[in-house]
PDB file of all heavy atoms in Angstrom:
ATOM      1  N   ALA A   1    -268.975 -83.366 -32.355  1.00  0.00           N
ATOM      2  CA  ALA A   1    -269.677 -83.595 -33.605  1.00  0.00           C
ATOM      3  C   ALA A   1    -271.108 -83.832 -33.333  1.00  0.00           C
ATOM      4  O   ALA A   1    -271.873 -84.015 -34.347  1.00  0.00           O
ATOM      5  CB  ALA A   1    -269.055 -84.817 -34.340  1.00  0.00           C
ATOM      6  N   GLY A   2    -271.514 -83.969 -32.140  1.00  0.00           N
ATOM      7  CA  GLY A   2    -272.904 -84.305 -31.770  1.00  0.00           C
ATOM      8  C   GLY A   2    -273.256 -85.717 -32.109  1.00  0.00           C
ATOM      9  O   GLY A   2    -274.549 -85.944 -32.366  1.00  0.00           O
ATOM     10  N   LEU A   3    -272.345 -86.628 -32.153  1.00  0.00           N
ATOM     11  CA  LEU A   3    -272.631 -88.028 -32.495  1.00  0.00           C
ATOM     12  C   LEU A   3    -272.798 -88.764 -31.179  1.00  0.00           C
ATOM     13  O   LEU A   3    -271.855 -88.839 -30.294  1.00  0.00           O
ATOM     14  CB  LEU A   3    -271.446 -88.522 -33.231  1.00  0.00           C
ATOM     15  CG  LEU A   3    -271.197 -87.972 -34.683  1.00  0.00           C
ATOM     16  CD1 LEU A   3    -269.986 -88.577 -35.304  1.00  0.00           C
ATOM     17  CD2 LEU A   3    -272.464 -88.268 -35.548  1.00  0.00           C
ATOM     18  N   VAL A   4    -274.051 -89.435 -30.971  1.00  0.00           N
ATOM     19  CA  VAL A   4    -274.254 -90.173 -29.902  1.00  0.00           C
ATOM     20  C   VAL A   4    -274.313 -91.689 -30.200  1.00  0.00           C
ATOM     21  O   VAL A   4    -275.199 -92.096 -30.904  1.00  0.00           O
ATOM     22  CB  VAL A   4    -275.604 -89.719 -29.291  1.00  0.00           C
ATOM     23  CG1 VAL A   4    -275.929 -90.530 -27.990  1.00  0.00           C
ATOM     24  CG2 VAL A   4    -275.616 -88.292 -28.965  1.00  0.00           C
ATOM     25  N   PRO A   5    -273.348 -92.484 -29.802  1.00  0.00           N
ATOM     26  CA  PRO A   5    -273.379 -93.908 -30.141  1.00  0.00           C
ATOM     27  C   PRO A   5    -274.492 -94.600 -29.457  1.00  0.00           C
ATOM     28  O   PRO A   5    -275.084 -94.143 -28.399  1.00  0.00           O
ATOM     29  CB  PRO A   5    -272.017 -94.394 -29.533  1.00  0.00           C
ATOM     30  CG  PRO A   5    -271.149 -93.228 -29.339  1.00  0.00           C
ATOM     31  CD  PRO A   5    -272.147 -91.999 -28.990  1.00  0.00           C
ATOM     32  N   PRO A   6    -275.027 -95.672 -30.102  1.00  0.00           N
ATOM     33  CA  PRO A   6    -276.084 -96.460 -29.451  1.00  0.00           C
ATOM     34  C   PRO A   6    -275.748 -96.994 -28.131  1.00  0.00           C
ATOM     35  O   PRO A   6    -274.544 -97.070 -27.661  1.00  0.00           O
ATOM     36  CB  PRO A   6    -276.231 -97.611 -30.436  1.00  0.00           C
ATOM     37  CG  PRO A   6    -275.681 -97.097 -31.750  1.00  0.00           C
ATOM     38  CD  PRO A   6    -274.549 -96.281 -31.350  1.00  0.00           C
ATOM     39  N   GLU A   7    -276.665 -97.386 -27.300  1.00  0.00           N
ATOM     40  CA  GLU A   7    -276.410 -97.892 -26.029  1.00  0.00           C
ATOM     41  C   GLU A   7    -275.765 -99.282 -26.059  1.00  0.00           C
ATOM     42  O   GLU A   7    -275.204 -99.669 -25.001  1.00  0.00           O
ATOM     43  CB  GLU A   7    -277.858 -98.103 -25.323  1.00  0.00           C
ATOM     44  CG  GLU A   7    -278.544 -96.805 -25.038  1.00  0.00           C
ATOM     45  CD  GLU A   7    -279.808 -96.910 -24.351  1.00  0.00           C
ATOM     46  OE1 GLU A   7    -280.229 -98.129 -24.088  1.00  0.00           O
ATOM     47  OE2 GLU A   7    -280.395 -95.937 -23.930  1.00  0.00           O
ATOM     48  N   THR A   8    -275.690 -99.959 -27.151  1.00  0.00           N
ATOM     49  CA  THR A   8    -274.988-101.227 -27.243  1.00  0.00           C
ATOM     50  C   THR A   8    -273.483-101.083 -27.382  1.00  0.00           C
ATOM     51  O   THR A   8    -272.715-102.107 -27.458  1.00  0.00           O
ATOM     52  CB  THR A   8    -275.458-102.021 -28.476  1.00  0.00           C
ATOM     53  OG1 THR A   8    -275.379-101.187 -29.625  1.00  0.00           O
ATOM     54  CG2 THR A   8    -276.931-102.508 -28.275  1.00  0.00           C
ATOM     55  N   VAL A   9    -272.890 -99.839 -27.343  1.00  0.00           N
ATOM     56  CA  VAL A   9    -271.523 -99.637 -27.553  1.00  0.00           C
ATOM     57  C   VAL A   9    -270.827 -99.309 -26.188  1.00  0.00           C
ATOM     58  O   VAL A   9    -271.357 -98.666 -25.352  1.00  0.00           O
ATOM     59  CB  VAL A   9    -271.336 -98.419 -28.505  1.00  0.00           C
ATOM     60  CG1 VAL A   9    -269.801 -98.198 -28.712  1.00  0.00           C
ATOM     61  CG2 VAL A   9    -271.958 -98.679 -29.842  1.00  0.00           C
ATOM     62  N   ARG A  10    -269.715 -99.891 -25.966  1.00  0.00           N
ATOM     63  CA  ARG A  10    -268.925 -99.663 -24.841  1.00  0.00           C
ATOM     64  C   ARG A  10    -267.491 -99.187 -25.282  1.00  0.00           C
ATOM     65  O   ARG A  10    -266.964 -99.850 -26.174  1.00  0.00           O
ATOM     66  CB  ARG A  10    -268.920-100.852 -23.899  1.00  0.00           C
ATOM     67  CG  ARG A  10    -270.224-101.385 -23.399  1.00  0.00           C
ATOM     68  CD  ARG A  10    -270.752-100.375 -22.318  1.00  0.00           C
ATOM     69  NE  ARG A  10    -271.930-100.826 -21.730  1.00  0.00           N
ATOM     70  CZ  ARG A  10    -273.129-100.540 -22.222  1.00  0.00           C
ATOM     71  NH1 ARG A  10    -273.245 -99.751 -23.357  1.00  0.00           N
ATOM     72  NH2 ARG A  10    -274.301-100.969 -21.609  1.00  0.00           N
ATOM     73  N   TYR A  11    -266.949 -98.316 -24.489  1.00  0.00           N
ATOM     74  CA  TYR A  11    -265.538 -97.775 -24.737  1.00  0.00           C
ATOM     75  C   TYR A  11    -264.599 -98.240 -23.675  1.00  0.00           C
ATOM     76  O   TYR A  11    -264.975 -98.101 -22.507  1.00  0.00           O
ATOM     77  CB  TYR A  11    -265.584 -96.334 -24.930  1.00  0.00           C
ATOM     78  CG  TYR A  11    -266.322 -95.861 -26.102  1.00  0.00           C
ATOM     79  CD1 TYR A  11    -267.595 -95.424 -25.966  1.00  0.00           C
ATOM     80  CD2 TYR A  11    -265.857 -95.896 -27.363  1.00  0.00           C
ATOM     81  CE1 TYR A  11    -268.361 -95.037 -27.086  1.00  0.00           C
ATOM     82  CE2 TYR A  11    -266.449 -95.509 -28.561  1.00  0.00           C
ATOM     83  CZ  TYR A  11    -267.780 -95.057 -28.280  1.00  0.00           C
ATOM     84  OH  TYR A  11    -268.507 -94.616 -29.452  1.00  0.00           O
ATOM     85  N   VAL A  12    -263.555 -99.032 -23.940  1.00  0.00           N
ATOM     86  CA  VAL A  12    -262.644 -99.702 -23.007  1.00  0.00           C
ATOM     87  C   VAL A  12    -261.356 -98.998 -23.195  1.00  0.00           C
ATOM     88  O   VAL A  12    -260.659 -99.116 -24.190  1.00  0.00           O
ATOM     89  CB  VAL A  12    -262.655-101.114 -23.212  1.00  0.00           C
ATOM     90  CG1 VAL A  12    -261.784-101.723 -22.081  1.00  0.00           C
ATOM     91  CG2 VAL A  12    -263.967-101.707 -23.154  1.00  0.00           C
ATOM     92  N   SER A  13    -260.781 -98.303 -22.148  1.00  0.00           N
ATOM     93  CA  SER A  13    -259.413 -97.728 -22.176  1.00  0.00           C
ATOM     94  C   SER A  13    -258.408 -98.684 -21.801  1.00  0.00           C
ATOM     95  O   SER A  13    -258.592 -99.208 -20.569  1.00  0.00           O
ATOM     96  CB  SER A  13    -259.364 -96.416 -21.331  1.00  0.00           C
ATOM     97  OG  SER A  13    -260.178 -95.440 -21.816  1.00  0.00           O
ATOM     98  N   ALA A  14    -257.477 -99.164 -22.517  1.00  0.00           N
ATOM     99  CA  ALA A  14    -256.549-100.200 -22.172  1.00  0.00           C
ATOM    100  C   ALA A  14    -255.325-100.039 -23.076  1.00  0.00           C
ATOM    101  O   ALA A  14    -255.502 -99.741 -24.282  1.00  0.00           O
ATOM    102  CB  ALA A  14    -257.104-101.523 -22.256  1.00  0.00           C
ATOM    103  N   ASP A  15    -254.177-100.248 -22.540  1.00  0.00           N
ATOM    104  CA  ASP A  15    -252.925-100.205 -23.281  1.00  0.00           C
ATOM    105  C   ASP A  15    -252.555-101.614 -23.651  1.00  0.00           C
ATOM    106  O   ASP A  15    -252.171-102.483 -22.796  1.00  0.00           O
ATOM    107  CB  ASP A  15    -251.820 -99.542 -22.495  1.00  0.00           C
ATOM    108  CG  ASP A  15    -250.469 -99.388 -23.311  1.00  0.00           C
ATOM    109  OD1 ASP A  15    -250.375-100.069 -24.346  1.00  0.00           O
ATOM    110  OD2 ASP A  15    -249.683 -98.621 -22.795  1.00  0.00           O
ATOM    111  N   LEU A  16    -252.683-102.021 -24.962  1.00  0.00           N
ATOM    112  CA  LEU A  16    -252.512-103.345 -25.425  1.00  0.00           C
ATOM    113  C   LEU A  16    -251.065-103.826 -25.152  1.00  0.00           C
ATOM    114  O   LEU A  16    -250.826-105.008 -25.250  1.00  0.00           O
ATOM    115  CB  LEU A  16    -252.968-103.471 -26.970  1.00  0.00           C
ATOM    116  CG  LEU A  16    -254.273-103.177 -27.236  1.00  0.00           C
ATOM    117  CD1 LEU A  16    -254.676-103.287 -28.719  1.00  0.00           C
ATOM    118  CD2 LEU A  16    -255.309-104.200 -26.448  1.00  0.00           C
ATOM    119  N   ALA A  17    -250.090-102.930 -24.971  1.00  0.00           N
ATOM    120  CA  ALA A  17    -248.816-103.161 -24.753  1.00  0.00           C
ATOM    121  C   ALA A  17    -248.469-103.706 -23.374  1.00  0.00           C
ATOM    122  O   ALA A  17    -247.436-104.090 -22.964  1.00  0.00           O
ATOM    123  CB  ALA A  17    -247.857-102.013 -25.154  1.00  0.00           C
ATOM    124  N   GLN A  18    -249.500-103.482 -22.463  1.00  0.00           N
ATOM    125  CA  GLN A  18    -249.320-103.833 -21.019  1.00  0.00           C
ATOM    126  C   GLN A  18    -249.849-105.156 -20.704  1.00  0.00           C
ATOM    127  O   GLN A  18    -250.911-105.499 -21.298  1.00  0.00           O
ATOM    128  CB  GLN A  18    -249.926-102.711 -20.157  1.00  0.00           C
ATOM    129  CG  GLN A  18    -249.394-101.354 -20.289  1.00  0.00           C
ATOM    130  CD  GLN A  18    -247.908-101.262 -19.916  1.00  0.00           C
ATOM    131  OE1 GLN A  18    -247.429-101.882 -18.934  1.00  0.00           O
ATOM    132  NE2 GLN A  18    -247.081-100.558 -20.788  1.00  0.00           N
ATOM    133  N   PRO A  19    -249.277-105.859 -19.727  1.00  0.00           N
ATOM    134  CA  PRO A  19    -249.865-107.148 -19.358  1.00  0.00           C
ATOM    135  C   PRO A  19    -251.202-107.010 -18.765  1.00  0.00           C
ATOM    136  O   PRO A  19    -251.554-105.922 -18.121  1.00  0.00           O
ATOM    137  CB  PRO A  19    -248.887-107.679 -18.316  1.00  0.00           C
ATOM    138  CG  PRO A  19    -247.645-106.854 -18.496  1.00  0.00           C
ATOM    139  CD  PRO A  19    -248.045-105.547 -19.010  1.00  0.00           C
ATOM    140  N   HIS A  20    -252.050-108.055 -18.953  1.00  0.00           N
ATOM    141  CA  HIS A  20    -253.484-108.067 -18.471  1.00  0.00           C
ATOM    142  C   HIS A  20    -254.275-106.863 -18.847  1.00  0.00           C
ATOM    143  O   HIS A  20    -255.263-106.554 -18.178  1.00  0.00           O
ATOM    144  CB  HIS A  20    -253.308-108.004 -16.855  1.00  0.00           C
ATOM    145  CG  HIS A  20    -252.437-108.980 -16.300  1.00  0.00           C
ATOM    146  ND1 HIS A  20    -252.542-110.350 -16.481  1.00  0.00           N
ATOM    147  CD2 HIS A  20    -251.255-108.866 -15.494  1.00  0.00           C
ATOM    148  CE1 HIS A  20    -251.512-110.946 -15.835  1.00  0.00           C
ATOM    149  NE2 HIS A  20    -250.783-110.124 -15.236  1.00  0.00           N
ATOM    150  N   TRP A  21    -254.037-106.390 -20.093  1.00  0.00           N
ATOM    151  CA  TRP A  21    -255.010-105.377 -20.667  1.00  0.00           C
ATOM    152  C   TRP A  21    -256.378-105.878 -20.763  1.00  0.00           C
ATOM    153  O   TRP A  21    -257.345-105.151 -20.651  1.00  0.00           O
ATOM    154  CB  TRP A  21    -254.480-104.869 -21.987  1.00  0.00           C
ATOM    155  CG  TRP A  21    -254.482-105.994 -23.027  1.00  0.00           C
ATOM    156  CD1 TRP A  21    -253.461-106.802 -23.347  1.00  0.00           C
ATOM    157  CD2 TRP A  21    -255.696-106.482 -23.790  1.00  0.00           C
ATOM    158  NE1 TRP A  21    -253.936-107.771 -24.328  1.00  0.00           N
ATOM    159  CE2 TRP A  21    -255.288-107.589 -24.514  1.00  0.00           C
ATOM    160  CE3 TRP A  21    -257.017-106.071 -23.857  1.00  0.00           C
ATOM    161  CZ2 TRP A  21    -256.161-108.149 -25.473  1.00  0.00           C
ATOM    162  CZ3 TRP A  21    -257.853-106.689 -24.689  1.00  0.00           C
ATOM    163  CH2 TRP A  21    -257.419-107.739 -25.566  1.00  0.00           C
ATOM    164  N   GLN A  22    -256.508-107.183 -20.981  1.00  0.00           N
ATOM    165  CA  GLN A  22    -257.850-107.742 -21.148  1.00  0.00           C
ATOM    166  C   GLN A  22    -258.751-107.798 -19.945  1.00  0.00           C
ATOM    167  O   GLN A  22    -259.928-107.939 -20.057  1.00  0.00           O
ATOM    168  CB  GLN A  22    -257.747-109.234 -21.635  1.00  0.00           C
ATOM    169  CG  GLN A  22    -257.110-110.220 -20.651  1.00  0.00           C
ATOM    170  CD  GLN A  22    -255.537-110.202 -20.818  1.00  0.00           C
ATOM    171  OE1 GLN A  22    -255.007-109.304 -21.231  1.00  0.00           O
ATOM    172  NE2 GLN A  22    -255.004-111.406 -20.542  1.00  0.00           N
ATOM    173  N   ASP A  23    -258.156-107.417 -18.775  1.00  0.00           N
ATOM    174  CA  ASP A  23    -258.943-107.386 -17.582  1.00  0.00           C
ATOM    175  C   ASP A  23    -259.997-106.215 -17.730  1.00  0.00           C
ATOM    176  O   ASP A  23    -261.168-106.286 -17.200  1.00  0.00           O
ATOM    177  CB  ASP A  23    -258.090-107.126 -16.283  1.00  0.00           C
ATOM    178  CG  ASP A  23    -257.249-108.328 -16.039  1.00  0.00           C
ATOM    179  OD1 ASP A  23    -257.468-109.432 -16.578  1.00  0.00           O
ATOM    180  OD2 ASP A  23    -256.272-108.171 -15.205  1.00  0.00           O
ATOM    181  N   ALA A  24    -259.515-105.129 -18.384  1.00  0.00           N
ATOM    182  CA  ALA A  24    -260.511-104.057 -18.501  1.00  0.00           C
ATOM    183  C   ALA A  24    -261.713-104.405 -19.359  1.00  0.00           C
ATOM    184  O   ALA A  24    -262.793-103.988 -19.111  1.00  0.00           O
ATOM    185  CB  ALA A  24    -259.812-102.814 -19.202  1.00  0.00           C
ATOM    186  N   LEU A  25    -261.447-105.263 -20.441  1.00  0.00           N
ATOM    187  CA  LEU A  25    -262.548-105.707 -21.362  1.00  0.00           C
ATOM    188  C   LEU A  25    -263.470-106.608 -20.524  1.00  0.00           C
ATOM    189  O   LEU A  25    -264.708-106.622 -20.572  1.00  0.00           O
ATOM    190  CB  LEU A  25    -261.999-106.387 -22.526  1.00  0.00           C
ATOM    191  CG  LEU A  25    -262.992-107.010 -23.420  1.00  0.00           C
ATOM    192  CD1 LEU A  25    -263.982-105.830 -24.006  1.00  0.00           C
ATOM    193  CD2 LEU A  25    -262.228-107.600 -24.654  1.00  0.00           C
ATOM    194  N   LEU A  26    -262.836-107.569 -19.707  1.00  0.00           N
ATOM    195  CA  LEU A  26    -263.724-108.545 -18.952  1.00  0.00           C
ATOM    196  C   LEU A  26    -264.509-107.815 -17.950  1.00  0.00           C
ATOM    197  O   LEU A  26    -265.559-108.333 -17.575  1.00  0.00           O
ATOM    198  CB  LEU A  26    -262.738-109.506 -18.277  1.00  0.00           C
ATOM    199  CG  LEU A  26    -262.033-110.566 -19.166  1.00  0.00           C
ATOM    200  CD1 LEU A  26    -260.934-111.273 -18.491  1.00  0.00           C
ATOM    201  CD2 LEU A  26    -263.045-111.584 -19.690  1.00  0.00           C
ATOM    202  N   ARG A  27    -263.996-106.774 -17.390  1.00  0.00           N
ATOM    203  CA  ARG A  27    -264.922-105.977 -16.370  1.00  0.00           C
ATOM    204  C   ARG A  27    -265.959-105.168 -16.998  1.00  0.00           C
ATOM    205  O   ARG A  27    -266.864-104.656 -16.319  1.00  0.00           O
ATOM    206  CB  ARG A  27    -263.938-105.037 -15.605  1.00  0.00           C
ATOM    207  CG  ARG A  27    -263.030-105.808 -14.575  1.00  0.00           C
ATOM    208  CD  ARG A  27    -262.423-104.715 -13.656  1.00  0.00           C
ATOM    209  NE  ARG A  27    -261.635-103.654 -14.396  1.00  0.00           N
ATOM    210  CZ  ARG A  27    -260.389-103.762 -14.625  1.00  0.00           C
ATOM    211  NH1 ARG A  27    -259.670-104.806 -14.353  1.00  0.00           N
ATOM    212  NH2 ARG A  27    -259.688-102.663 -15.212  1.00  0.00           N
ATOM    213  N   CYS A  28    -265.911-104.986 -18.355  1.00  0.00           N
ATOM    214  CA  CYS A  28    -266.825-104.138 -19.028  1.00  0.00           C
ATOM    215  C   CYS A  28    -268.252-104.695 -18.989  1.00  0.00           C
ATOM    216  O   CYS A  28    -268.540-105.833 -19.376  1.00  0.00           O
ATOM    217  CB  CYS A  28    -266.411-103.841 -20.467  1.00  0.00           C
ATOM    218  SG  CYS A  28    -267.368-102.554 -21.357  1.00  0.00           S
ATOM    219  N   PRO A  29    -269.234-103.959 -18.558  1.00  0.00           N
ATOM    220  CA  PRO A  29    -270.664-104.453 -18.587  1.00  0.00           C
ATOM    221  C   PRO A  29    -271.141-104.826 -19.973  1.00  0.00           C
ATOM    222  O   PRO A  29    -270.852-104.162 -20.900  1.00  0.00           O
ATOM    223  CB  PRO A  29    -271.494-103.223 -18.126  1.00  0.00           C
ATOM    224  CG  PRO A  29    -270.465-102.268 -17.335  1.00  0.00           C
ATOM    225  CD  PRO A  29    -269.131-102.522 -18.015  1.00  0.00           C
ATOM    226  N   GLY A  30    -271.765-106.053 -20.039  1.00  0.00           N
ATOM    227  CA  GLY A  30    -272.190-106.556 -21.251  1.00  0.00           C
ATOM    228  C   GLY A  30    -271.247-107.433 -21.940  1.00  0.00           C
ATOM    229  O   GLY A  30    -271.684-108.257 -22.862  1.00  0.00           O
ATOM    230  N   PHE A  31    -269.932-107.440 -21.691  1.00  0.00           N
ATOM    231  CA  PHE A  31    -269.015-108.294 -22.289  1.00  0.00           C
ATOM    232  C   PHE A  31    -269.145-109.791 -21.741  1.00  0.00           C
ATOM    233  O   PHE A  31    -269.223-109.959 -20.614  1.00  0.00           O
ATOM    234  CB  PHE A  31    -267.634-107.981 -22.216  1.00  0.00           C
ATOM    235  CG  PHE A  31    -266.612-108.781 -22.857  1.00  0.00           C
ATOM    236  CD1 PHE A  31    -266.484-108.717 -24.357  1.00  0.00           C
ATOM    237  CD2 PHE A  31    -265.958-109.750 -22.230  1.00  0.00           C
ATOM    238  CE1 PHE A  31    -265.600-109.604 -24.990  1.00  0.00           C
ATOM    239  CE2 PHE A  31    -265.073-110.583 -22.974  1.00  0.00           C
ATOM    240  CZ  PHE A  31    -264.935-110.469 -24.270  1.00  0.00           C
TER     241      PHE A  31
END
C-alpha cells in the first residue's frame, strides 16, 4: 500500500498463547 509507519513504531512478533511471549517485547528497542 506504500504506507510507511513513523520511526516511533515497532513491530513485535510473538505468540501470546506461548509462555514468556513478553520477552520479545522487553527486548524491543525503545520499550
